[in-house]
Amino acid sequence: MFAEKSLQQGIIIQQSSMEQHCSSLVYTESGMQPYEYTDEELVHMTTVQLRNLLEQHIISPEQHHEFRSRRRRLQNRKYARRCAKKKQTEVAELTYATQNESSAIKVRRSI
C-alpha cells in the first residue's frame, strides 16, 4: 500500500508502508521519468551525494528535510540492529565462558 503526499512545486513523493521494500519516487513537473530510490540506496548515499542529488532535481527545502529524516531513520535502525547483534554475541560468549569456568570449578572440587 502506498501513501501519497503532494508537495510544493509539483513534485510527488511516494513511500511504501513496507520498510524493507520502501522506495521514494520523485516526479518533476516536466513529466520526466521518475527517479526511484530504495531504502538501501538512501542508506548507502553520503550526505554530499544526497545534497547533490536534491540540488539536481531542484527539490524544495521541505522535501530535502523529508529525505534527510528518512535517511537518518534508516541509518538509526541499521545501527540499532548492529548494536543488538553485538550485545547478543557478547552475552552468548560470556554465557559460554561462565559455563566453562563452572565446569572447571566442579572438576577441581571433585578431585
PDB file of N, CA and C in Angstrom:
ATOM      1  N   MET A   1       0.847  -1.181   0.000  1.00  0.00           N
ATOM      2  CA  MET A   1       0.000   0.000   0.000  1.00  0.00           C
ATOM      3  C   MET A   1       0.884   1.232   0.000  1.00  0.00           C
ATOM      4  N   PHE A   2       0.597   2.198  -0.828  1.00  0.00           N
ATOM      5  CA  PHE A   2       1.409   3.396  -0.934  1.00  0.00           C
ATOM      6  C   PHE A   2       0.668   4.584  -0.336  1.00  0.00           C
ATOM      7  N   ALA A   3       1.408   5.339   0.447  1.00  0.00           N
ATOM      8  CA  ALA A   3       0.879   6.602   0.962  1.00  0.00           C
ATOM      9  C   ALA A   3       1.412   7.686   0.043  1.00  0.00           C
ATOM     10  N   GLU A   4       0.555   8.511  -0.457  1.00  0.00           N
ATOM     11  CA  GLU A   4       0.955   9.512  -1.438  1.00  0.00           C
ATOM     12  C   GLU A   4       0.801  10.896  -0.832  1.00  0.00           C
ATOM     13  N   LYS A   5       1.811  11.698  -0.996  1.00  0.00           N
ATOM     14  CA  LYS A   5       1.792  13.039  -0.418  1.00  0.00           C
ATOM     15  C   LYS A   5       2.211  14.039  -1.488  1.00  0.00           C
ATOM     16  N   SER A   6       1.351  14.986  -1.766  1.00  0.00           N
ATOM     17  CA  SER A   6       1.663  16.005  -2.761  1.00  0.00           C
ATOM     18  C   SER A   6       2.442  17.119  -2.086  1.00  0.00           C
ATOM     19  N   LEU A   7       3.529  17.535  -2.715  1.00  0.00           N
ATOM     20  CA  LEU A   7       4.397  18.549  -2.142  1.00  0.00           C
ATOM     21  C   LEU A   7       4.455  19.766  -3.049  1.00  0.00           C
ATOM     22  N   GLN A   8       5.170  20.791  -2.620  1.00  0.00           N
ATOM     23  CA  GLN A   8       5.290  22.027  -3.384  1.00  0.00           C
ATOM     24  C   GLN A   8       5.990  21.768  -4.706  1.00  0.00           C
ATOM     25  N   GLN A   9       5.841  22.667  -5.656  1.00  0.00           N
ATOM     26  CA  GLN A   9       6.489  22.679  -6.957  1.00  0.00           C
ATOM     27  C   GLN A   9       6.135  21.459  -7.805  1.00  0.00           C
ATOM     28  N   GLY A  10       4.980  20.859  -7.583  1.00  0.00           N
ATOM     29  CA  GLY A  10       4.503  19.779  -8.433  1.00  0.00           C
ATOM     30  C   GLY A  10       5.269  18.484  -8.309  1.00  0.00           C
ATOM     31  N   ILE A  11       5.981  18.273  -7.236  1.00  0.00           N
ATOM     32  CA  ILE A  11       6.741  17.043  -7.069  1.00  0.00           C
ATOM     33  C   ILE A  11       5.991  16.149  -6.103  1.00  0.00           C
ATOM     34  N   ILE A  12       5.891  14.890  -6.441  1.00  0.00           N
ATOM     35  CA  ILE A  12       5.187  13.928  -5.603  1.00  0.00           C
ATOM     36  C   ILE A  12       6.178  12.876  -5.135  1.00  0.00           C
ATOM     37  N   ILE A  13       6.116  12.567  -3.874  1.00  0.00           N
ATOM     38  CA  ILE A  13       6.952  11.512  -3.317  1.00  0.00           C
ATOM     39  C   ILE A  13       6.026  10.424  -2.811  1.00  0.00           C
ATOM     40  N   GLN A  14       6.298   9.206  -3.212  1.00  0.00           N
ATOM     41  CA  GLN A  14       5.522   8.069  -2.738  1.00  0.00           C
ATOM     42  C   GLN A  14       6.429   7.211  -1.874  1.00  0.00           C
ATOM     43  N   GLN A  15       5.882   6.720  -0.776  1.00  0.00           N
ATOM     44  CA  GLN A  15       6.645   5.847   0.090  1.00  0.00           C
ATOM     45  C   GLN A  15       5.807   4.627   0.418  1.00  0.00           C
ATOM     46  N   SER A  16       6.417   3.477   0.308  1.00  0.00           N
ATOM     47  CA  SER A  16       5.745   2.231   0.626  1.00  0.00           C
ATOM     48  C   SER A  16       5.649   2.090   2.133  1.00  0.00           C
ATOM     49  N   SER A  17       4.615   1.413   2.595  1.00  0.00           N
ATOM     50  CA  SER A  17       4.479   1.191   4.027  1.00  0.00           C
ATOM     51  C   SER A  17       5.366   0.044   4.489  1.00  0.00           C
ATOM     52  N   MET A  18       5.841  -0.779   3.569  1.00  0.00           N
ATOM     53  CA  MET A  18       6.734  -1.873   3.928  1.00  0.00           C
ATOM     54  C   MET A  18       8.150  -1.319   4.001  1.00  0.00           C
ATOM     55  N   GLU A  19       8.783  -1.433   5.174  1.00  0.00           N
ATOM     56  CA  GLU A  19      10.064  -0.789   5.403  1.00  0.00           C
ATOM     57  C   GLU A  19      11.176  -1.324   4.508  1.00  0.00           C
ATOM     58  N   GLN A  20      11.308  -2.630   4.357  1.00  0.00           N
ATOM     59  CA  GLN A  20      12.419  -3.178   3.603  1.00  0.00           C
ATOM     60  C   GLN A  20      12.261  -2.964   2.112  1.00  0.00           C
ATOM     61  N   HIS A  21      11.049  -2.855   1.634  1.00  0.00           N
ATOM     62  CA  HIS A  21      10.818  -2.684   0.214  1.00  0.00           C
ATOM     63  C   HIS A  21      10.380  -1.260  -0.113  1.00  0.00           C
ATOM     64  N   CYS A  22      10.632  -0.369   0.795  1.00  0.00           N
ATOM     65  CA  CYS A  22      10.206   1.014   0.631  1.00  0.00           C
ATOM     66  C   CYS A  22      11.078   1.710  -0.400  1.00  0.00           C
ATOM     67  N   SER A  23      10.470   2.549  -1.167  1.00  0.00           N
ATOM     68  CA  SER A  23      11.229   3.366  -2.104  1.00  0.00           C
ATOM     69  C   SER A  23      10.589   4.736  -2.175  1.00  0.00           C
ATOM     70  N   SER A  24      11.371   5.693  -2.600  1.00  0.00           N
ATOM     71  CA  SER A  24      10.871   7.047  -2.775  1.00  0.00           C
ATOM     72  C   SER A  24      10.907   7.363  -4.255  1.00  0.00           C
ATOM     73  N   LEU A  25       9.772   7.769  -4.801  1.00  0.00           N
ATOM     74  CA  LEU A  25       9.689   8.134  -6.210  1.00  0.00           C
ATOM     75  C   LEU A  25       9.571   9.642  -6.305  1.00  0.00           C
ATOM     76  N   VAL A  26      10.389  10.241  -7.145  1.00  0.00           N
ATOM     77  CA  VAL A  26      10.364  11.685  -7.314  1.00  0.00           C
ATOM     78  C   VAL A  26       9.945  11.988  -8.739  1.00  0.00           C
ATOM     79  N   TYR A  27       8.837  12.714  -8.896  1.00  0.00           N
ATOM     80  CA  TYR A  27       8.348  13.129 -10.210  1.00  0.00           C
ATOM     81  C   TYR A  27       8.511  14.637 -10.318  1.00  0.00           C
ATOM     82  N   THR A  28       8.922  15.107 -11.467  1.00  0.00           N
ATOM     83  CA  THR A  28       9.044  16.545 -11.662  1.00  0.00           C
ATOM     84  C   THR A  28       7.901  17.037 -12.535  1.00  0.00           C
ATOM     85  N   GLU A  29       7.679  18.345 -12.540  1.00  0.00           N
ATOM     86  CA  GLU A  29       6.597  18.940 -13.323  1.00  0.00           C
ATOM     87  C   GLU A  29       6.764  18.694 -14.813  1.00  0.00           C
ATOM     88  N   SER A  30       8.004  18.595 -15.271  1.00  0.00           N
ATOM     89  CA  SER A  30       8.264  18.464 -16.702  1.00  0.00           C
ATOM     90  C   SER A  30       7.884  17.094 -17.246  1.00  0.00           C
ATOM     91  N   GLY A  31       7.424  16.191 -16.399  1.00  0.00           N
ATOM     92  CA  GLY A  31       6.997  14.871 -16.847  1.00  0.00           C
ATOM     93  C   GLY A  31       8.155  13.931 -17.112  1.00  0.00           C
ATOM     94  N   MET A  32       9.307  14.218 -16.547  1.00  0.00           N
ATOM     95  CA  MET A  32      10.466  13.355 -16.723  1.00  0.00           C
ATOM     96  C   MET A  32      10.208  12.004 -16.074  1.00  0.00           C
ATOM     97  N   GLN A  33      11.052  11.046 -16.397  1.00  0.00           N
ATOM     98  CA  GLN A  33      10.950   9.725 -15.784  1.00  0.00           C
ATOM     99  C   GLN A  33      11.095   9.855 -14.271  1.00  0.00           C
ATOM    100  N   PRO A  34      10.373   9.020 -13.518  1.00  0.00           N
ATOM    101  CA  PRO A  34      10.525   9.080 -12.063  1.00  0.00           C
ATOM    102  C   PRO A  34      11.892   8.541 -11.643  1.00  0.00           C
ATOM    103  N   TYR A  35      12.464   9.150 -10.636  1.00  0.00           N
ATOM    104  CA  TYR A  35      13.710   8.669 -10.057  1.00  0.00           C
ATOM    105  C   TYR A  35      13.326   7.869  -8.828  1.00  0.00           C
ATOM    106  N   GLU A  36      13.699   6.617  -8.805  1.00  0.00           N
ATOM    107  CA  GLU A  36      13.315   5.750  -7.694  1.00  0.00           C
ATOM    108  C   GLU A  36      14.532   5.489  -6.817  1.00  0.00           C
ATOM    109  N   TYR A  37      14.361   5.676  -5.523  1.00  0.00           N
ATOM    110  CA  TYR A  37      15.431   5.451  -4.564  1.00  0.00           C
ATOM    111  C   TYR A  37      14.914   4.490  -3.505  1.00  0.00           C
ATOM    112  N   THR A  38      15.559   3.363  -3.400  1.00  0.00           N
ATOM    113  CA  THR A  38      15.169   2.391  -2.387  1.00  0.00           C
ATOM    114  C   THR A  38      15.776   2.799  -1.053  1.00  0.00           C
ATOM    115  N   ASP A  39      15.314   2.169   0.011  1.00  0.00           N
ATOM    116  CA  ASP A  39      15.886   2.427   1.333  1.00  0.00           C
ATOM    117  C   ASP A  39      17.372   2.101   1.328  1.00  0.00           C
ATOM    118  N   GLU A  40      17.725   1.014   0.663  1.00  0.00           N
ATOM    119  CA  GLU A  40      19.125   0.593   0.583  1.00  0.00           C
ATOM    120  C   GLU A  40      19.987   1.695  -0.048  1.00  0.00           C
ATOM    121  N   GLU A  41      19.494   2.289  -1.124  1.00  0.00           N
ATOM    122  CA  GLU A  41      20.234   3.359  -1.794  1.00  0.00           C
ATOM    123  C   GLU A  41      20.345   4.596  -0.903  1.00  0.00           C
ATOM    124  N   LEU A  42      19.270   4.942  -0.221  1.00  0.00           N
ATOM    125  CA  LEU A  42      19.306   6.108   0.664  1.00  0.00           C
ATOM    126  C   LEU A  42      20.308   5.922   1.793  1.00  0.00           C
ATOM    127  N   VAL A  43      20.359   4.710   2.356  1.00  0.00           N
ATOM    128  CA  VAL A  43      21.265   4.447   3.471  1.00  0.00           C
ATOM    129  C   VAL A  43      22.721   4.527   3.024  1.00  0.00           C
ATOM    130  N   HIS A  44      23.011   4.039   1.832  1.00  0.00           N
ATOM    131  CA  HIS A  44      24.398   3.998   1.368  1.00  0.00           C
ATOM    132  C   HIS A  44      24.878   5.293   0.720  1.00  0.00           C
ATOM    133  N   MET A  45      23.998   6.248   0.519  1.00  0.00           N
ATOM    134  CA  MET A  45      24.407   7.546  -0.027  1.00  0.00           C
ATOM    135  C   MET A  45      25.149   8.340   1.039  1.00  0.00           C
ATOM    136  N   THR A  46      26.172   9.066   0.608  1.00  0.00           N
ATOM    137  CA  THR A  46      26.815  10.000   1.526  1.00  0.00           C
ATOM    138  C   THR A  46      25.955  11.257   1.583  1.00  0.00           C
ATOM    139  N   THR A  47      26.200  12.074   2.580  1.00  0.00           N
ATOM    140  CA  THR A  47      25.414  13.304   2.686  1.00  0.00           C
ATOM    141  C   THR A  47      25.683  14.227   1.501  1.00  0.00           C
ATOM    142  N   VAL A  48      26.914  14.213   0.993  1.00  0.00           N
ATOM    143  CA  VAL A  48      27.248  15.044  -0.169  1.00  0.00           C
ATOM    144  C   VAL A  48      26.482  14.558  -1.394  1.00  0.00           C
ATOM    145  N   GLN A  49      26.429  13.237  -1.593  1.00  0.00           N
ATOM    146  CA  GLN A  49      25.682  12.684  -2.722  1.00  0.00           C
ATOM    147  C   GLN A  49      24.209  13.039  -2.616  1.00  0.00           C
ATOM    148  N   LEU A  50      23.653  12.921  -1.424  1.00  0.00           N
ATOM    149  CA  LEU A  50      22.242  13.242  -1.227  1.00  0.00           C
ATOM    150  C   LEU A  50      21.982  14.722  -1.502  1.00  0.00           C
ATOM    151  N   ARG A  51      22.855  15.575  -1.001  1.00  0.00           N
ATOM    152  CA  ARG A  51      22.698  17.015  -1.227  1.00  0.00           C
ATOM    153  C   ARG A  51      22.773  17.338  -2.718  1.00  0.00           C
ATOM    154  N   ASN A  52      23.749  16.749  -3.417  1.00  0.00           N
ATOM    155  CA  ASN A  52      23.870  16.977  -4.862  1.00  0.00           C
ATOM    156  C   ASN A  52      22.653  16.457  -5.612  1.00  0.00           C
ATOM    157  N   LEU A  53      22.176  15.302  -5.219  1.00  0.00           N
ATOM    158  CA  LEU A  53      21.001  14.716  -5.852  1.00  0.00           C
ATOM    159  C   LEU A  53      19.791  15.629  -5.688  1.00  0.00           C
ATOM    160  N   LEU A  54      19.614  16.130  -4.505  1.00  0.00           N
ATOM    161  CA  LEU A  54      18.478  17.004  -4.240  1.00  0.00           C
ATOM    162  C   LEU A  54      18.611  18.332  -4.984  1.00  0.00           C
ATOM    163  N   GLU A  55      19.820  18.837  -5.091  1.00  0.00           N
ATOM    164  CA  GLU A  55      20.025  20.089  -5.828  1.00  0.00           C
ATOM    165  C   GLU A  55      19.775  19.898  -7.320  1.00  0.00           C
ATOM    166  N   GLN A  56      20.167  18.762  -7.864  1.00  0.00           N
ATOM    167  CA  GLN A  56      19.964  18.494  -9.289  1.00  0.00           C
ATOM    168  C   GLN A  56      18.487  18.446  -9.644  1.00  0.00           C
ATOM    169  N   HIS A  57      17.676  17.946  -8.756  1.00  0.00           N
ATOM    170  CA  HIS A  57      16.244  17.807  -9.022  1.00  0.00           C
ATOM    171  C   HIS A  57      15.448  19.026  -8.555  1.00  0.00           C
ATOM    172  N   ILE A  58      16.134  20.014  -8.037  1.00  0.00           N
ATOM    173  CA  ILE A  58      15.513  21.251  -7.567  1.00  0.00           C
ATOM    174  C   ILE A  58      14.350  20.939  -6.617  1.00  0.00           C
ATOM    175  N   ILE A  59      14.682  20.260  -5.567  1.00  0.00           N
ATOM    176  CA  ILE A  59      13.688  19.854  -4.575  1.00  0.00           C
ATOM    177  C   ILE A  59      13.605  20.929  -3.495  1.00  0.00           C
ATOM    178  N   SER A  60      12.419  21.166  -3.022  1.00  0.00           N
ATOM    179  CA  SER A  60      12.177  22.209  -2.021  1.00  0.00           C
ATOM    180  C   SER A  60      12.850  21.853  -0.692  1.00  0.00           C
ATOM    181  N   PRO A  61      13.035  22.839   0.172  1.00  0.00           N
ATOM    182  CA  PRO A  61      13.631  22.578   1.486  1.00  0.00           C
ATOM    183  C   PRO A  61      12.835  21.557   2.306  1.00  0.00           C
ATOM    184  N   GLU A  62      11.511  21.569   2.170  1.00  0.00           N
ATOM    185  CA  GLU A  62      10.686  20.597   2.896  1.00  0.00           C
ATOM    186  C   GLU A  62      10.990  19.176   2.428  1.00  0.00           C
ATOM    187  N   GLN A  63      11.120  19.018   1.124  1.00  0.00           N
ATOM    188  CA  GLN A  63      11.420  17.700   0.572  1.00  0.00           C
ATOM    189  C   GLN A  63      12.826  17.263   0.962  1.00  0.00           C
ATOM    190  N   HIS A  64      13.744  18.216   0.952  1.00  0.00           N
ATOM    191  CA  HIS A  64      15.116  17.920   1.365  1.00  0.00           C
ATOM    192  C   HIS A  64      15.117  17.413   2.803  1.00  0.00           C
ATOM    193  N   HIS A  65      14.361  18.090   3.650  1.00  0.00           N
ATOM    194  CA  HIS A  65      14.249  17.674   5.052  1.00  0.00           C
ATOM    195  C   HIS A  65      13.638  16.274   5.157  1.00  0.00           C
ATOM    196  N   GLU A  66      12.630  15.999   4.348  1.00  0.00           N
ATOM    197  CA  GLU A  66      11.969  14.695   4.376  1.00  0.00           C
ATOM    198  C   GLU A  66      12.932  13.566   3.986  1.00  0.00           C
ATOM    199  N   PHE A  67      13.708  13.790   2.920  1.00  0.00           N
ATOM    200  CA  PHE A  67      14.696  12.789   2.512  1.00  0.00           C
ATOM    201  C   PHE A  67      15.757  12.594   3.588  1.00  0.00           C
ATOM    202  N   ARG A  68      16.227  13.706   4.157  1.00  0.00           N
ATOM    203  CA  ARG A  68      17.260  13.606   5.191  1.00  0.00           C
ATOM    204  C   ARG A  68      16.752  12.857   6.412  1.00  0.00           C
ATOM    205  N   SER A  69      15.528  13.167   6.843  1.00  0.00           N
ATOM    206  CA  SER A  69      14.994  12.494   8.028  1.00  0.00           C
ATOM    207  C   SER A  69      14.733  11.019   7.748  1.00  0.00           C
ATOM    208  N   ARG A  70      14.280  10.697   6.544  1.00  0.00           N
ATOM    209  CA  ARG A  70      14.073   9.291   6.168  1.00  0.00           C
ATOM    210  C   ARG A  70      15.401   8.536   6.198  1.00  0.00           C
ATOM    211  N   ARG A  71      16.427   9.142   5.629  1.00  0.00           N
ATOM    212  CA  ARG A  71      17.753   8.523   5.607  1.00  0.00           C
ATOM    213  C   ARG A  71      18.280   8.340   7.029  1.00  0.00           C
ATOM    214  N   ARG A  72      18.103   9.335   7.882  1.00  0.00           N
ATOM    215  CA  ARG A  72      18.569   9.260   9.268  1.00  0.00           C
ATOM    216  C   ARG A  72      17.853   8.142  10.023  1.00  0.00           C
ATOM    217  N   ARG A  73      16.532   8.028   9.846  1.00  0.00           N
ATOM    218  CA  ARG A  73      15.782   6.944  10.499  1.00  0.00           C
ATOM    219  C   ARG A  73      16.299   5.584  10.057  1.00  0.00           C
ATOM    220  N   LEU A  74      16.551   5.435   8.771  1.00  0.00           N
ATOM    221  CA  LEU A  74      17.056   4.167   8.246  1.00  0.00           C
ATOM    222  C   LEU A  74      18.438   3.846   8.814  1.00  0.00           C
ATOM    223  N   GLN A  75      19.292   4.855   8.900  1.00  0.00           N
ATOM    224  CA  GLN A  75      20.619   4.629   9.465  1.00  0.00           C
ATOM    225  C   GLN A  75      20.530   4.277  10.944  1.00  0.00           C
ATOM    226  N   ASN A  76      19.650   4.942  11.673  1.00  0.00           N
ATOM    227  CA  ASN A  76      19.480   4.624  13.091  1.00  0.00           C
ATOM    228  C   ASN A  76      19.021   3.186  13.283  1.00  0.00           C
ATOM    229  N   ARG A  77      18.118   2.721  12.428  1.00  0.00           N
ATOM    230  CA  ARG A  77      17.672   1.324  12.510  1.00  0.00           C
ATOM    231  C   ARG A  77      18.827   0.369  12.261  1.00  0.00           C
ATOM    232  N   LYS A  78      19.657   0.707  11.269  1.00  0.00           N
ATOM    233  CA  LYS A  78      20.808  -0.135  10.946  1.00  0.00           C
ATOM    234  C   LYS A  78      21.757  -0.200  12.141  1.00  0.00           C
ATOM    235  N   TYR A  79      22.039   0.950  12.756  1.00  0.00           N
ATOM    236  CA  TYR A  79      22.930   0.988  13.908  1.00  0.00           C
ATOM    237  C   TYR A  79      22.332   0.237  15.094  1.00  0.00           C
ATOM    238  N   ALA A  80      21.034   0.343  15.296  1.00  0.00           N
ATOM    239  CA  ALA A  80      20.372  -0.358  16.400  1.00  0.00           C
ATOM    240  C   ALA A  80      20.447  -1.869  16.206  1.00  0.00           C
ATOM    241  N   ARG A  81      20.244  -2.331  14.962  1.00  0.00           N
ATOM    242  CA  ARG A  81      20.367  -3.771  14.686  1.00  0.00           C
ATOM    243  C   ARG A  81      21.784  -4.257  14.947  1.00  0.00           C
ATOM    244  N   ARG A  82      22.766  -3.458  14.523  1.00  0.00           N
ATOM    245  CA  ARG A  82      24.168  -3.829  14.729  1.00  0.00           C
ATOM    246  C   ARG A  82      24.483  -3.907  16.222  1.00  0.00           C
ATOM    247  N   CYS A  83      23.998  -2.945  16.979  1.00  0.00           N
ATOM    248  CA  CYS A  83      24.229  -2.914  18.418  1.00  0.00           C
ATOM    249  C   CYS A  83      23.566  -4.105  19.105  1.00  0.00           C
ATOM    250  N   ALA A  84      22.337  -4.422  18.714  1.00  0.00           N
ATOM    251  CA  ALA A  84      21.625  -5.560  19.307  1.00  0.00           C
ATOM    252  C   ALA A  84      22.347  -6.868  18.994  1.00  0.00           C
ATOM    253  N   LYS A  85      22.831  -7.004  17.773  1.00  0.00           N
ATOM    254  CA  LYS A  85      23.556  -8.217  17.387  1.00  0.00           C
ATOM    255  C   LYS A  85      24.850  -8.346  18.184  1.00  0.00           C
ATOM    256  N   LYS A  86      25.554  -7.231  18.353  1.00  0.00           N
ATOM    257  CA  LYS A  86      26.796  -7.235  19.124  1.00  0.00           C
ATOM    258  C   LYS A  86      26.519  -7.629  20.574  1.00  0.00           C
ATOM    259  N   LYS A  87      25.442  -7.105  21.136  1.00  0.00           N
ATOM    260  CA  LYS A  87      25.088  -7.423  22.519  1.00  0.00           C
ATOM    261  C   LYS A  87      24.747  -8.901  22.663  1.00  0.00           C
ATOM    262  N   GLN A  88      23.992  -9.451  21.713  1.00  0.00           N
ATOM    263  CA  GLN A  88      23.653 -10.872  21.752  1.00  0.00           C
ATOM    264  C   GLN A  88      24.905 -11.733  21.677  1.00  0.00           C
ATOM    265  N   THR A  89      25.845 -11.346  20.831  1.00  0.00           N
ATOM    266  CA  THR A  89      27.095 -12.087  20.698  1.00  0.00           C
ATOM    267  C   THR A  89      27.882 -12.046  22.000  1.00  0.00           C
ATOM    268  N   GLU A  90      27.968 -10.872  22.611  1.00  0.00           N
ATOM    269  CA  GLU A  90      28.692 -10.739  23.874  1.00  0.00           C
ATOM    270  C   GLU A  90      28.047 -11.576  24.976  1.00  0.00           C
ATOM    271  N   VAL A  91      26.723 -11.570  25.045  1.00  0.00           N
ATOM    272  CA  VAL A  91      26.014 -12.361  26.053  1.00  0.00           C
ATOM    273  C   VAL A  91      26.281 -13.847  25.833  1.00  0.00           C
ATOM    274  N   ALA A  92      26.232 -14.289  24.584  1.00  0.00           N
ATOM    275  CA  ALA A  92      26.486 -15.702  24.278  1.00  0.00           C
ATOM    276  C   ALA A  92      27.915 -16.091  24.652  1.00  0.00           C
ATOM    277  N   GLU A  93      28.882 -15.228  24.340  1.00  0.00           N
ATOM    278  CA  GLU A  93      30.277 -15.517  24.683  1.00  0.00           C
ATOM    279  C   GLU A  93      30.479 -15.574  26.191  1.00  0.00           C
ATOM    280  N   LEU A  94      29.882 -14.640  26.921  1.00  0.00           N
ATOM    281  CA  LEU A  94      30.012 -14.631  28.376  1.00  0.00           C
ATOM    282  C   LEU A  94      29.325 -15.840  29.006  1.00  0.00           C
ATOM    283  N   THR A  95      28.188 -16.232  28.465  1.00  0.00           N
ATOM    284  CA  THR A  95      27.486 -17.418  28.962  1.00  0.00           C
ATOM    285  C   THR A  95      28.346 -18.657  28.765  1.00  0.00           C
ATOM    286  N   TYR A  96      28.938 -18.774  27.591  1.00  0.00           N
ATOM    287  CA  TYR A  96      29.799 -19.916  27.287  1.00  0.00           C
ATOM    288  C   TYR A  96      31.011 -19.936  28.220  1.00  0.00           C
ATOM    289  N   ALA A  97      31.636 -18.772  28.433  1.00  0.00           N
ATOM    290  CA  ALA A  97      32.800 -18.688  29.313  1.00  0.00           C
ATOM    291  C   ALA A  97      32.422 -19.039  30.747  1.00  0.00           C
ATOM    292  N   THR A  98      31.278 -18.574  31.206  1.00  0.00           N
ATOM    293  CA  THR A  98      30.811 -18.866  32.561  1.00  0.00           C
ATOM    294  C   THR A  98      30.560 -20.359  32.744  1.00  0.00           C
ATOM    295  N   GLN A  99      29.942 -20.991  31.757  1.00  0.00           N
ATOM    296  CA  GLN A  99      29.689 -22.433  31.828  1.00  0.00           C
ATOM    297  C   GLN A  99      30.996 -23.212  31.874  1.00  0.00           C
ATOM    298  N   ASN A 100      31.973 -22.794  31.081  1.00  0.00           N
ATOM    299  CA  ASN A 100      33.274 -23.472  31.094  1.00  0.00           C
ATOM    300  C   ASN A 100      33.957 -23.321  32.444  1.00  0.00           C
ATOM    301  N   GLU A 101      33.919 -22.130  33.015  1.00  0.00           N
ATOM    302  CA  GLU A 101      34.530 -21.902  34.319  1.00  0.00           C
ATOM    303  C   GLU A 101      33.807 -22.692  35.406  1.00  0.00           C
ATOM    304  N   SER A 102      32.478 -22.763  35.334  1.00  0.00           N
ATOM    305  CA  SER A 102      31.708 -23.527  36.323  1.00  0.00           C
ATOM    306  C   SER A 102      32.065 -25.003  36.262  1.00  0.00           C
ATOM    307  N   SER A 103      32.163 -25.538  35.062  1.00  0.00           N
ATOM    308  CA  SER A 103      32.513 -26.956  34.932  1.00  0.00           C
ATOM    309  C   SER A 103      33.951 -27.199  35.383  1.00  0.00           C
ATOM    310  N   ALA A 104      34.853 -26.260  35.148  1.00  0.00           N
ATOM    311  CA  ALA A 104      36.239 -26.408  35.606  1.00  0.00           C
ATOM    312  C   ALA A 104      36.299 -26.386  37.128  1.00  0.00           C
ATOM    313  N   ILE A 105      35.513 -25.539  37.764  1.00  0.00           N
ATOM    314  CA  ILE A 105      35.470 -25.470  39.231  1.00  0.00           C
ATOM    315  C   ILE A 105      34.919 -26.772  39.797  1.00  0.00           C
ATOM    316  N   LYS A 106      33.887 -27.336  39.193  1.00  0.00           N
ATOM    317  CA  LYS A 106      33.313 -28.602  39.655  1.00  0.00           C
ATOM    318  C   LYS A 106      34.330 -29.728  39.552  1.00  0.00           C
ATOM    319  N   VAL A 107      35.094 -29.743  38.486  1.00  0.00           N
ATOM    320  CA  VAL A 107      36.124 -30.780  38.310  1.00  0.00           C
ATOM    321  C   VAL A 107      37.183 -30.642  39.389  1.00  0.00           C
ATOM    322  N   ARG A 108      37.616 -29.432  39.704  1.00  0.00           N
ATOM    323  CA  ARG A 108      38.633 -29.211  40.738  1.00  0.00           C
ATOM    324  C   ARG A 108      38.124 -29.611  42.116  1.00  0.00           C
ATOM    325  N   ARG A 109      36.848 -29.361  42.374  1.00  0.00           N
ATOM    326  CA  ARG A 109      36.279 -29.708  43.683  1.00  0.00           C
ATOM    327  C   ARG A 109      36.148 -31.218  43.850  1.00  0.00           C
ATOM    328  N   SER A 110      35.918 -31.913  42.754  1.00  0.00           N
ATOM    329  CA  SER A 110      35.741 -33.367  42.853  1.00  0.00           C
ATOM    330  C   SER A 110      37.072 -34.096  43.013  1.00  0.00           C
ATOM    331  N   ILE A 111      38.180 -33.434  42.764  1.00  0.00           N
ATOM    332  CA  ILE A 111      39.495 -34.090  42.888  1.00  0.00           C
ATOM    333  C   ILE A 111      39.931 -34.125  44.299  1.00  0.00           C
TER     334      ILE A 111
END
